[in-house]
Each structure stands twice: as C-alpha cells, then as structure tokens.
Amino acid sequence: YGNYARSAAKGIDDFAAKVEAKDVDEIVGDAREFVRK
C-alpha cells in the first residue's frame, strides 16, 4: 500500500511536469481535443 501511495505521488509529479512544460494555448487545445473525442 505504501508503494501505491508512492506510485500515486509519481503520477501527480509526472502530470504536473507535463502541464508545466506546456503553454496555456497548448493546454486549451488539448482540452478541446479531449472534449471533441
């Protein structure tokens, strides 16, 4: 269960890094594409 928690923490870190690497226009474009699909 501790490993589940560490895995969740890593997933959050990875997601935050992806968001940080994109500019706002890219995030909006990704959101539009997600909603469309």
PDB file of all heavy atoms in Angstrom:
ATOM      1  N   TYR A   1       0.825  -1.213   0.000  1.00  0.00           N
ATOM      2  CA  TYR A   1       0.000   0.000   0.000  1.00  0.00           C
ATOM      3  C   TYR A   1       0.858   1.261   0.000  1.00  0.00           C
ATOM      4  O   TYR A   1       0.482   2.272  -0.598  1.00  0.00           O
ATOM      5  CB  TYR A   1      -0.972  -0.010   1.185  1.00  0.00           C
ATOM      6  CG  TYR A   1      -1.980  -1.121   1.054  1.00  0.00           C
ATOM      7  CD1 TYR A   1      -1.864  -2.275   1.821  1.00  0.00           C
ATOM      8  CD2 TYR A   1      -3.016  -1.034   0.137  1.00  0.00           C
ATOM      9  CE1 TYR A   1      -2.774  -3.317   1.687  1.00  0.00           C
ATOM     10  CE2 TYR A   1      -3.929  -2.064  -0.008  1.00  0.00           C
ATOM     11  CZ  TYR A   1      -3.807  -3.207   0.773  1.00  0.00           C
ATOM     12  OH  TYR A   1      -4.691  -4.221   0.630  1.00  0.00           O
ATOM     13  N   GLY A   2       2.002   1.204   0.653  1.00  0.00           N
ATOM     14  CA  GLY A   2       2.934   2.329   0.596  1.00  0.00           C
ATOM     15  C   GLY A   2       3.420   2.562  -0.824  1.00  0.00           C
ATOM     16  O   GLY A   2       3.568   3.708  -1.270  1.00  0.00           O
ATOM     17  N   ASN A   3       3.642   1.469  -1.559  1.00  0.00           N
ATOM     18  CA  ASN A   3       4.057   1.590  -2.957  1.00  0.00           C
ATOM     19  C   ASN A   3       2.948   2.192  -3.821  1.00  0.00           C
ATOM     20  O   ASN A   3       3.237   2.932  -4.767  1.00  0.00           O
ATOM     21  CB  ASN A   3       4.490   0.233  -3.511  1.00  0.00           C
ATOM     22  CG  ASN A   3       5.827  -0.205  -2.948  1.00  0.00           C
ATOM     23  OD1 ASN A   3       6.620   0.620  -2.480  1.00  0.00           O
ATOM     24  ND2 ASN A   3       6.081  -1.504  -2.965  1.00  0.00           N
ATOM     25  N   TYR A   4       1.687   1.869  -3.483  1.00  0.00           N
ATOM     26  CA  TYR A   4       0.576   2.513  -4.196  1.00  0.00           C
ATOM     27  C   TYR A   4       0.639   4.031  -3.993  1.00  0.00           C
ATOM     28  O   TYR A   4       0.436   4.802  -4.928  1.00  0.00           O
ATOM     29  CB  TYR A   4      -0.778   1.998  -3.704  1.00  0.00           C
ATOM     30  CG  TYR A   4      -1.102   0.573  -4.094  1.00  0.00           C
ATOM     31  CD1 TYR A   4      -1.841  -0.238  -3.252  1.00  0.00           C
ATOM     32  CD2 TYR A   4      -0.693   0.037  -5.313  1.00  0.00           C
ATOM     33  CE1 TYR A   4      -2.165  -1.549  -3.592  1.00  0.00           C
ATOM     34  CE2 TYR A   4      -1.016  -1.259  -5.669  1.00  0.00           C
ATOM     35  CZ  TYR A   4      -1.746  -2.048  -4.809  1.00  0.00           C
ATOM     36  OH  TYR A   4      -2.062  -3.329  -5.154  1.00  0.00           O
ATOM     37  N   ALA A   5       0.901   4.435  -2.764  1.00  0.00           N
ATOM     38  CA  ALA A   5       0.996   5.869  -2.462  1.00  0.00           C
ATOM     39  C   ALA A   5       2.159   6.503  -3.225  1.00  0.00           C
ATOM     40  O   ALA A   5       2.012   7.591  -3.800  1.00  0.00           O
ATOM     41  CB  ALA A   5       1.162   6.086  -0.958  1.00  0.00           C
ATOM     42  N   ARG A   6       3.312   5.837  -3.236  1.00  0.00           N
ATOM     43  CA  ARG A   6       4.459   6.374  -3.981  1.00  0.00           C
ATOM     44  C   ARG A   6       4.159   6.457  -5.475  1.00  0.00           C
ATOM     45  O   ARG A   6       4.546   7.409  -6.148  1.00  0.00           O
ATOM     46  CB  ARG A   6       5.703   5.527  -3.711  1.00  0.00           C
ATOM     47  CG  ARG A   6       6.363   5.832  -2.369  1.00  0.00           C
ATOM     48  CD  ARG A   6       7.648   5.050  -2.161  1.00  0.00           C
ATOM     49  NE  ARG A   6       7.392   3.719  -1.623  1.00  0.00           N
ATOM     50  CZ  ARG A   6       7.086   3.466  -0.351  1.00  0.00           C
ATOM     51  NH1 ARG A   6       6.987   4.441   0.506  1.00  0.00           N
ATOM     52  NH2 ARG A   6       6.879   2.241   0.042  1.00  0.00           N
ATOM     53  N   SER A   7       3.457   5.449  -5.992  1.00  0.00           N
ATOM     54  CA  SER A   7       3.075   5.449  -7.402  1.00  0.00           C
ATOM     55  C   SER A   7       2.119   6.613  -7.702  1.00  0.00           C
ATOM     56  O   SER A   7       2.255   7.288  -8.733  1.00  0.00           O
ATOM     57  CB  SER A   7       2.418   4.115  -7.755  1.00  0.00           C
ATOM     58  OG  SER A   7       1.983   4.117  -9.081  1.00  0.00           O
ATOM     59  N   ALA A   8       1.172   6.857  -6.803  1.00  0.00           N
ATOM     60  CA  ALA A   8       0.251   7.982  -6.981  1.00  0.00           C
ATOM     61  C   ALA A   8       1.014   9.309  -6.956  1.00  0.00           C
ATOM     62  O   ALA A   8       0.767  10.195  -7.779  1.00  0.00           O
ATOM     63  CB  ALA A   8      -0.818   7.968  -5.888  1.00  0.00           C
ATOM     64  N   ALA A   9       1.971   9.426  -6.039  1.00  0.00           N
ATOM     65  CA  ALA A   9       2.777  10.651  -5.948  1.00  0.00           C
ATOM     66  C   ALA A   9       3.565  10.868  -7.235  1.00  0.00           C
ATOM     67  O   ALA A   9       3.639  11.989  -7.750  1.00  0.00           O
ATOM     68  CB  ALA A   9       3.720  10.580  -4.749  1.00  0.00           C
ATOM     69  N   LYS A  10       4.132   9.797  -7.780  1.00  0.00           N
ATOM     70  CA  LYS A  10       4.883   9.916  -9.027  1.00  0.00           C
ATOM     71  C   LYS A  10       3.964  10.313 -10.176  1.00  0.00           C
ATOM     72  O   LYS A  10       4.323  11.146 -11.014  1.00  0.00           O
ATOM     73  CB  LYS A  10       5.600   8.614  -9.363  1.00  0.00           C
ATOM     74  CG  LYS A  10       6.441   8.724 -10.623  1.00  0.00           C
ATOM     75  CD  LYS A  10       7.252   7.486 -10.873  1.00  0.00           C
ATOM     76  CE  LYS A  10       8.096   7.536 -12.115  1.00  0.00           C
ATOM     77  NZ  LYS A  10       7.914   8.585 -13.067  1.00  0.00           N
ATOM     78  N   GLY A  11       2.765   9.739 -10.213  1.00  0.00           N
ATOM     79  CA  GLY A  11       1.799  10.098 -11.249  1.00  0.00           C
ATOM     80  C   GLY A  11       1.428  11.576 -11.192  1.00  0.00           C
ATOM     81  O   GLY A  11       1.349  12.249 -12.224  1.00  0.00           O
ATOM     82  N   ILE A  12       1.229  12.091  -9.992  1.00  0.00           N
ATOM     83  CA  ILE A  12       0.915  13.510  -9.823  1.00  0.00           C
ATOM     84  C   ILE A  12       2.086  14.360 -10.281  1.00  0.00           C
ATOM     85  O   ILE A  12       1.910  15.360 -10.979  1.00  0.00           O
ATOM     86  CB  ILE A  12       0.536  13.813  -8.357  1.00  0.00           C
ATOM     87  CG1 ILE A  12      -0.799  13.150  -8.018  1.00  0.00           C
ATOM     88  CG2 ILE A  12       0.475  15.319  -8.103  1.00  0.00           C
ATOM     89  CD1 ILE A  12      -1.138  13.154  -6.542  1.00  0.00           C
ATOM     90  N   ASP A  13       3.309  13.958  -9.888  1.00  0.00           N
ATOM     91  CA  ASP A  13       4.506  14.702 -10.322  1.00  0.00           C
ATOM     92  C   ASP A  13       4.641  14.704 -11.839  1.00  0.00           C
ATOM     93  O   ASP A  13       4.949  15.735 -12.443  1.00  0.00           O
ATOM     94  CB  ASP A  13       5.771  14.081  -9.716  1.00  0.00           C
ATOM     95  CG  ASP A  13       6.078  14.606  -8.326  1.00  0.00           C
ATOM     96  OD1 ASP A  13       5.560  15.683  -7.959  1.00  0.00           O
ATOM     97  OD2 ASP A  13       6.847  13.939  -7.608  1.00  0.00           O
ATOM     98  N   ASP A  14       4.431  13.557 -12.453  1.00  0.00           N
ATOM     99  CA  ASP A  14       4.547  13.457 -13.916  1.00  0.00           C
ATOM    100  C   ASP A  14       3.508  14.341 -14.610  1.00  0.00           C
ATOM    101  O   ASP A  14       3.821  15.040 -15.575  1.00  0.00           O
ATOM    102  CB  ASP A  14       4.375  12.005 -14.380  1.00  0.00           C
ATOM    103  CG  ASP A  14       5.537  11.108 -13.964  1.00  0.00           C
ATOM    104  OD1 ASP A  14       6.582  11.637 -13.517  1.00  0.00           O
ATOM    105  OD2 ASP A  14       5.392   9.874 -14.077  1.00  0.00           O
ATOM    106  N   PHE A  15       2.269  14.308 -14.099  1.00  0.00           N
ATOM    107  CA  PHE A  15       1.217  15.141 -14.670  1.00  0.00           C
ATOM    108  C   PHE A  15       1.564  16.625 -14.524  1.00  0.00           C
ATOM    109  O   PHE A  15       1.428  17.402 -15.478  1.00  0.00           O
ATOM    110  CB  PHE A  15      -0.127  14.842 -14.000  1.00  0.00           C
ATOM    111  CG  PHE A  15      -1.237  15.734 -14.474  1.00  0.00           C
ATOM    112  CD1 PHE A  15      -1.812  15.528 -15.716  1.00  0.00           C
ATOM    113  CD2 PHE A  15      -1.696  16.777 -13.691  1.00  0.00           C
ATOM    114  CE1 PHE A  15      -2.833  16.347 -16.171  1.00  0.00           C
ATOM    115  CE2 PHE A  15      -2.712  17.600 -14.134  1.00  0.00           C
ATOM    116  CZ  PHE A  15      -3.279  17.393 -15.376  1.00  0.00           C
ATOM    117  N   ALA A  16       2.028  17.018 -13.350  1.00  0.00           N
ATOM    118  CA  ALA A  16       2.395  18.423 -13.113  1.00  0.00           C
ATOM    119  C   ALA A  16       3.529  18.847 -14.040  1.00  0.00           C
ATOM    120  O   ALA A  16       3.522  19.971 -14.562  1.00  0.00           O
ATOM    121  CB  ALA A  16       2.788  18.626 -11.652  1.00  0.00           C
ATOM    122  N   ALA A  17       4.486  17.959 -14.264  1.00  0.00           N
ATOM    123  CA  ALA A  17       5.605  18.287 -15.161  1.00  0.00           C
ATOM    124  C   ALA A  17       5.107  18.482 -16.597  1.00  0.00           C
ATOM    125  O   ALA A  17       5.569  19.389 -17.295  1.00  0.00           O
ATOM    126  CB  ALA A  17       6.666  17.184 -15.106  1.00  0.00           C
ATOM    127  N   LYS A  18       4.169  17.639 -17.028  1.00  0.00           N
ATOM    128  CA  LYS A  18       3.609  17.795 -18.378  1.00  0.00           C
ATOM    129  C   LYS A  18       2.866  19.116 -18.516  1.00  0.00           C
ATOM    130  O   LYS A  18       2.986  19.801 -19.528  1.00  0.00           O
ATOM    131  CB  LYS A  18       2.670  16.629 -18.709  1.00  0.00           C
ATOM    132  CG  LYS A  18       3.380  15.331 -18.978  1.00  0.00           C
ATOM    133  CD  LYS A  18       2.399  14.207 -19.239  1.00  0.00           C
ATOM    134  CE  LYS A  18       3.119  12.889 -19.398  1.00  0.00           C
ATOM    135  NZ  LYS A  18       2.192  11.771 -19.577  1.00  0.00           N
ATOM    136  N   VAL A  19       2.086  19.477 -17.504  1.00  0.00           N
ATOM    137  CA  VAL A  19       1.349  20.737 -17.541  1.00  0.00           C
ATOM    138  C   VAL A  19       2.324  21.907 -17.529  1.00  0.00           C
ATOM    139  O   VAL A  19       2.166  22.873 -18.281  1.00  0.00           O
ATOM    140  CB  VAL A  19       0.352  20.835 -16.353  1.00  0.00           C
ATOM    141  CG1 VAL A  19      -0.230  22.233 -16.232  1.00  0.00           C
ATOM    142  CG2 VAL A  19      -0.757  19.808 -16.516  1.00  0.00           C
ATOM    143  N   GLU A  20       3.339  21.826 -16.699  1.00  0.00           N
ATOM    144  CA  GLU A  20       4.325  22.911 -16.596  1.00  0.00           C
ATOM    145  C   GLU A  20       5.060  23.117 -17.915  1.00  0.00           C
ATOM    146  O   GLU A  20       5.385  24.248 -18.283  1.00  0.00           O
ATOM    147  CB  GLU A  20       5.328  22.593 -15.481  1.00  0.00           C
ATOM    148  CG  GLU A  20       6.302  23.698 -15.188  1.00  0.00           C
ATOM    149  CD  GLU A  20       5.648  24.967 -14.635  1.00  0.00           C
ATOM    150  OE1 GLU A  20       4.636  24.865 -13.939  1.00  0.00           O
ATOM    151  OE2 GLU A  20       6.183  26.062 -14.920  1.00  0.00           O
ATOM    152  N   ALA A  21       5.287  22.043 -18.652  1.00  0.00           N
ATOM    153  CA  ALA A  21       6.039  22.132 -19.906  1.00  0.00           C
ATOM    154  C   ALA A  21       5.232  22.756 -21.044  1.00  0.00           C
ATOM    155  O   ALA A  21       5.808  23.202 -22.032  1.00  0.00           O
ATOM    156  CB  ALA A  21       6.519  20.742 -20.322  1.00  0.00           C
ATOM    157  N   LYS A  22       3.908  22.802 -20.889  1.00  0.00           N
ATOM    158  CA  LYS A  22       3.065  23.336 -21.961  1.00  0.00           C
ATOM    159  C   LYS A  22       2.669  24.772 -21.663  1.00  0.00           C
ATOM    160  O   LYS A  22       2.547  25.164 -20.508  1.00  0.00           O
ATOM    161  CB  LYS A  22       1.790  22.494 -22.095  1.00  0.00           C
ATOM    162  CG  LYS A  22       2.059  21.095 -22.595  1.00  0.00           C
ATOM    163  CD  LYS A  22       0.778  20.346 -22.810  1.00  0.00           C
ATOM    164  CE  LYS A  22       1.068  18.987 -23.406  1.00  0.00           C
ATOM    165  NZ  LYS A  22      -0.136  18.333 -23.883  1.00  0.00           N
ATOM    166  N   ASP A  23       2.441  25.530 -22.739  1.00  0.00           N
ATOM    167  CA  ASP A  23       1.894  26.867 -22.518  1.00  0.00           C
ATOM    168  C   ASP A  23       0.374  26.769 -22.497  1.00  0.00           C
ATOM    169  O   ASP A  23      -0.220  25.737 -22.816  1.00  0.00           O
ATOM    170  CB  ASP A  23       2.413  27.891 -23.532  1.00  0.00           C
ATOM    171  CG  ASP A  23       1.901  27.677 -24.951  1.00  0.00           C
ATOM    172  OD1 ASP A  23       1.048  26.808 -25.164  1.00  0.00           O
ATOM    173  OD2 ASP A  23       2.360  28.406 -25.845  1.00  0.00           O
ATOM    174  N   VAL A  24      -0.262  27.838 -22.088  1.00  0.00           N
ATOM    175  CA  VAL A  24      -1.703  27.851 -21.891  1.00  0.00           C
ATOM    176  C   VAL A  24      -2.453  27.495 -23.172  1.00  0.00           C
ATOM    177  O   VAL A  24      -3.436  26.743 -23.142  1.00  0.00           O
ATOM    178  CB  VAL A  24      -2.154  29.226 -21.345  1.00  0.00           C
ATOM    179  CG1 VAL A  24      -3.664  29.323 -21.303  1.00  0.00           C
ATOM    180  CG2 VAL A  24      -1.568  29.462 -19.966  1.00  0.00           C
ATOM    181  N   ASP A  25      -1.996  27.994 -24.305  1.00  0.00           N
ATOM    182  CA  ASP A  25      -2.672  27.700 -25.573  1.00  0.00           C
ATOM    183  C   ASP A  25      -2.661  26.201 -25.879  1.00  0.00           C
ATOM    184  O   ASP A  25      -3.641  25.654 -26.382  1.00  0.00           O
ATOM    185  CB  ASP A  25      -2.039  28.481 -26.717  1.00  0.00           C
ATOM    186  CG  ASP A  25      -2.280  29.979 -26.599  1.00  0.00           C
ATOM    187  OD1 ASP A  25      -3.311  30.375 -26.019  1.00  0.00           O
ATOM    188  OD2 ASP A  25      -1.434  30.756 -27.072  1.00  0.00           O
ATOM    189  N   GLU A  26      -1.545  25.534 -25.574  1.00  0.00           N
ATOM    190  CA  GLU A  26      -1.466  24.084 -25.795  1.00  0.00           C
ATOM    191  C   GLU A  26      -2.433  23.339 -24.874  1.00  0.00           C
ATOM    192  O   GLU A  26      -3.080  22.378 -25.290  1.00  0.00           O
ATOM    193  CB  GLU A  26      -0.045  23.576 -25.548  1.00  0.00           C
ATOM    194  CG  GLU A  26       0.946  23.955 -26.619  1.00  0.00           C
ATOM    195  CD  GLU A  26       2.346  23.494 -26.265  1.00  0.00           C
ATOM    196  OE1 GLU A  26       2.881  23.907 -25.226  1.00  0.00           O
ATOM    197  OE2 GLU A  26       2.901  22.691 -27.043  1.00  0.00           O
ATOM    198  N   ILE A  27      -2.530  23.788 -23.624  1.00  0.00           N
ATOM    199  CA  ILE A  27      -3.432  23.143 -22.669  1.00  0.00           C
ATOM    200  C   ILE A  27      -4.877  23.301 -23.130  1.00  0.00           C
ATOM    201  O   ILE A  27      -5.657  22.343 -23.097  1.00  0.00           O
ATOM    202  CB  ILE A  27      -3.225  23.725 -21.254  1.00  0.00           C
ATOM    203  CG1 ILE A  27      -1.825  23.340 -20.742  1.00  0.00           C
ATOM    204  CG2 ILE A  27      -4.298  23.222 -20.295  1.00  0.00           C
ATOM    205  CD1 ILE A  27      -1.412  24.055 -19.479  1.00  0.00           C
ATOM    206  N   VAL A  28      -5.239  24.489 -23.571  1.00  0.00           N
ATOM    207  CA  VAL A  28      -6.597  24.726 -24.073  1.00  0.00           C
ATOM    208  C   VAL A  28      -6.856  23.846 -25.295  1.00  0.00           C
ATOM    209  O   VAL A  28      -7.916  23.235 -25.413  1.00  0.00           O
ATOM    210  CB  VAL A  28      -6.808  26.225 -24.398  1.00  0.00           C
ATOM    211  CG1 VAL A  28      -8.108  26.446 -25.162  1.00  0.00           C
ATOM    212  CG2 VAL A  28      -6.790  27.054 -23.125  1.00  0.00           C
ATOM    213  N   GLY A  29      -5.887  23.752 -26.192  1.00  0.00           N
ATOM    214  CA  GLY A  29      -6.032  22.903 -27.372  1.00  0.00           C
ATOM    215  C   GLY A  29      -6.210  21.442 -26.994  1.00  0.00           C
ATOM    216  O   GLY A  29      -7.066  20.747 -27.570  1.00  0.00           O
ATOM    217  N   ASP A  30      -5.430  20.976 -26.010  1.00  0.00           N
ATOM    218  CA  ASP A  30      -5.570  19.590 -25.544  1.00  0.00           C
ATOM    219  C   ASP A  30      -6.954  19.354 -24.945  1.00  0.00           C
ATOM    220  O   ASP A  30      -7.573  18.307 -25.182  1.00  0.00           O
ATOM    221  CB  ASP A  30      -4.505  19.268 -24.498  1.00  0.00           C
ATOM    222  CG  ASP A  30      -3.108  19.165 -25.082  1.00  0.00           C
ATOM    223  OD1 ASP A  30      -2.963  19.154 -26.326  1.00  0.00           O
ATOM    224  OD2 ASP A  30      -2.140  19.101 -24.287  1.00  0.00           O
ATOM    225  N   ALA A  31      -7.439  20.326 -24.171  1.00  0.00           N
ATOM    226  CA  ALA A  31      -8.759  20.190 -23.552  1.00  0.00           C
ATOM    227  C   ALA A  31      -9.842  20.127 -24.624  1.00  0.00           C
ATOM    228  O   ALA A  31     -10.764  19.303 -24.545  1.00  0.00           O
ATOM    229  CB  ALA A  31      -9.015  21.349 -22.595  1.00  0.00           C
ATOM    230  N   ARG A  32      -9.732  20.986 -25.627  1.00  0.00           N
ATOM    231  CA  ARG A  32     -10.726  20.965 -26.722  1.00  0.00           C
ATOM    232  C   ARG A  32     -10.703  19.621 -27.443  1.00  0.00           C
ATOM    233  O   ARG A  32     -11.754  19.065 -27.771  1.00  0.00           O
ATOM    234  CB  ARG A  32     -10.429  22.081 -27.716  1.00  0.00           C
ATOM    235  CG  ARG A  32     -10.857  23.428 -27.243  1.00  0.00           C
ATOM    236  CD  ARG A  32     -10.638  24.471 -28.301  1.00  0.00           C
ATOM    237  NE  ARG A  32     -11.051  25.769 -27.803  1.00  0.00           N
ATOM    238  CZ  ARG A  32     -10.487  26.909 -28.129  1.00  0.00           C
ATOM    239  NH1 ARG A  32      -9.481  26.937 -28.970  1.00  0.00           N
ATOM    240  NH2 ARG A  32     -10.925  28.039 -27.628  1.00  0.00           N
ATOM    241  N   GLU A  33      -9.522  19.117 -27.692  1.00  0.00           N
ATOM    242  CA  GLU A  33      -9.396  17.832 -28.384  1.00  0.00           C
ATOM    243  C   GLU A  33      -9.988  16.706 -27.543  1.00  0.00           C
ATOM    244  O   GLU A  33     -10.685  15.827 -28.052  1.00  0.00           O
ATOM    245  CB  GLU A  33      -7.916  17.554 -28.689  1.00  0.00           C
ATOM    246  CG  GLU A  33      -7.662  16.304 -29.488  1.00  0.00           C
ATOM    247  CD  GLU A  33      -8.190  16.375 -30.917  1.00  0.00           C
ATOM    248  OE1 GLU A  33      -8.474  17.480 -31.413  1.00  0.00           O
ATOM    249  OE2 GLU A  33      -8.324  15.303 -31.541  1.00  0.00           O
ATOM    250  N   PHE A  34      -9.727  16.729 -26.238  1.00  0.00           N
ATOM    251  CA  PHE A  34     -10.270  15.711 -25.346  1.00  0.00           C
ATOM    252  C   PHE A  34     -11.793  15.742 -25.366  1.00  0.00           C
ATOM    253  O   PHE A  34     -12.449  14.696 -25.474  1.00  0.00           O
ATOM    254  CB  PHE A  34      -9.758  15.925 -23.913  1.00  0.00           C
ATOM    255  CG  PHE A  34     -10.280  14.916 -22.937  1.00  0.00           C
ATOM    256  CD1 PHE A  34      -9.689  13.676 -22.821  1.00  0.00           C
ATOM    257  CD2 PHE A  34     -11.391  15.203 -22.157  1.00  0.00           C
ATOM    258  CE1 PHE A  34     -10.183  12.731 -21.929  1.00  0.00           C
ATOM    259  CE2 PHE A  34     -11.900  14.275 -21.268  1.00  0.00           C
ATOM    260  CZ  PHE A  34     -11.287  13.041 -21.149  1.00  0.00           C
ATOM    261  N   VAL A  35     -12.375  16.940 -25.256  1.00  0.00           N
ATOM    262  CA  VAL A  35     -13.836  17.078 -25.258  1.00  0.00           C
ATOM    263  C   VAL A  35     -14.410  16.608 -26.593  1.00  0.00           C
ATOM    264  O   VAL A  35     -15.447  15.949 -26.627  1.00  0.00           O
ATOM    265  CB  VAL A  35     -14.248  18.534 -24.955  1.00  0.00           C
ATOM    266  CG1 VAL A  35     -15.730  18.746 -25.204  1.00  0.00           C
ATOM    267  CG2 VAL A  35     -13.888  18.894 -23.519  1.00  0.00           C
ATOM    268  N   ARG A  36     -13.716  16.930 -27.679  1.00  0.00           N
ATOM    269  CA  ARG A  36     -14.188  16.507 -29.008  1.00  0.00           C
ATOM    270  C   ARG A  36     -14.177  14.987 -29.130  1.00  0.00           C
ATOM    271  O   ARG A  36     -15.113  14.385 -29.653  1.00  0.00           O
ATOM    272  CB  ARG A  36     -13.311  17.130 -30.089  1.00  0.00           C
ATOM    273  CG  ARG A  36     -13.852  16.936 -31.494  1.00  0.00           C
ATOM    274  CD  ARG A  36     -12.966  17.552 -32.555  1.00  0.00           C
ATOM    275  NE  ARG A  36     -11.678  16.891 -32.699  1.00  0.00           N
ATOM    276  CZ  ARG A  36     -11.489  15.682 -33.237  1.00  0.00           C
ATOM    277  NH1 ARG A  36     -12.507  14.996 -33.696  1.00  0.00           N
ATOM    278  NH2 ARG A  36     -10.290  15.162 -33.326  1.00  0.00           N
ATOM    279  N   LYS A  37     -13.139  14.341 -28.601  1.00  0.00           N
ATOM    280  CA  LYS A  37     -13.015  12.882 -28.731  1.00  0.00           C
ATOM    281  C   LYS A  37     -13.860  12.132 -27.704  1.00  0.00           C
ATOM    282  O   LYS A  37     -14.318  11.027 -27.976  1.00  0.00           O
ATOM    283  CB  LYS A  37     -11.550  12.466 -28.556  1.00  0.00           C
ATOM    284  CG  LYS A  37     -10.692  12.791 -29.745  1.00  0.00           C
ATOM    285  CD  LYS A  37      -9.280  12.270 -29.543  1.00  0.00           C
ATOM    286  CE  LYS A  37      -8.427  12.505 -30.768  1.00  0.00           C
ATOM    287  NZ  LYS A  37      -7.045  12.024 -30.563  1.00  0.00           N
TER     288      LYS A  37
END
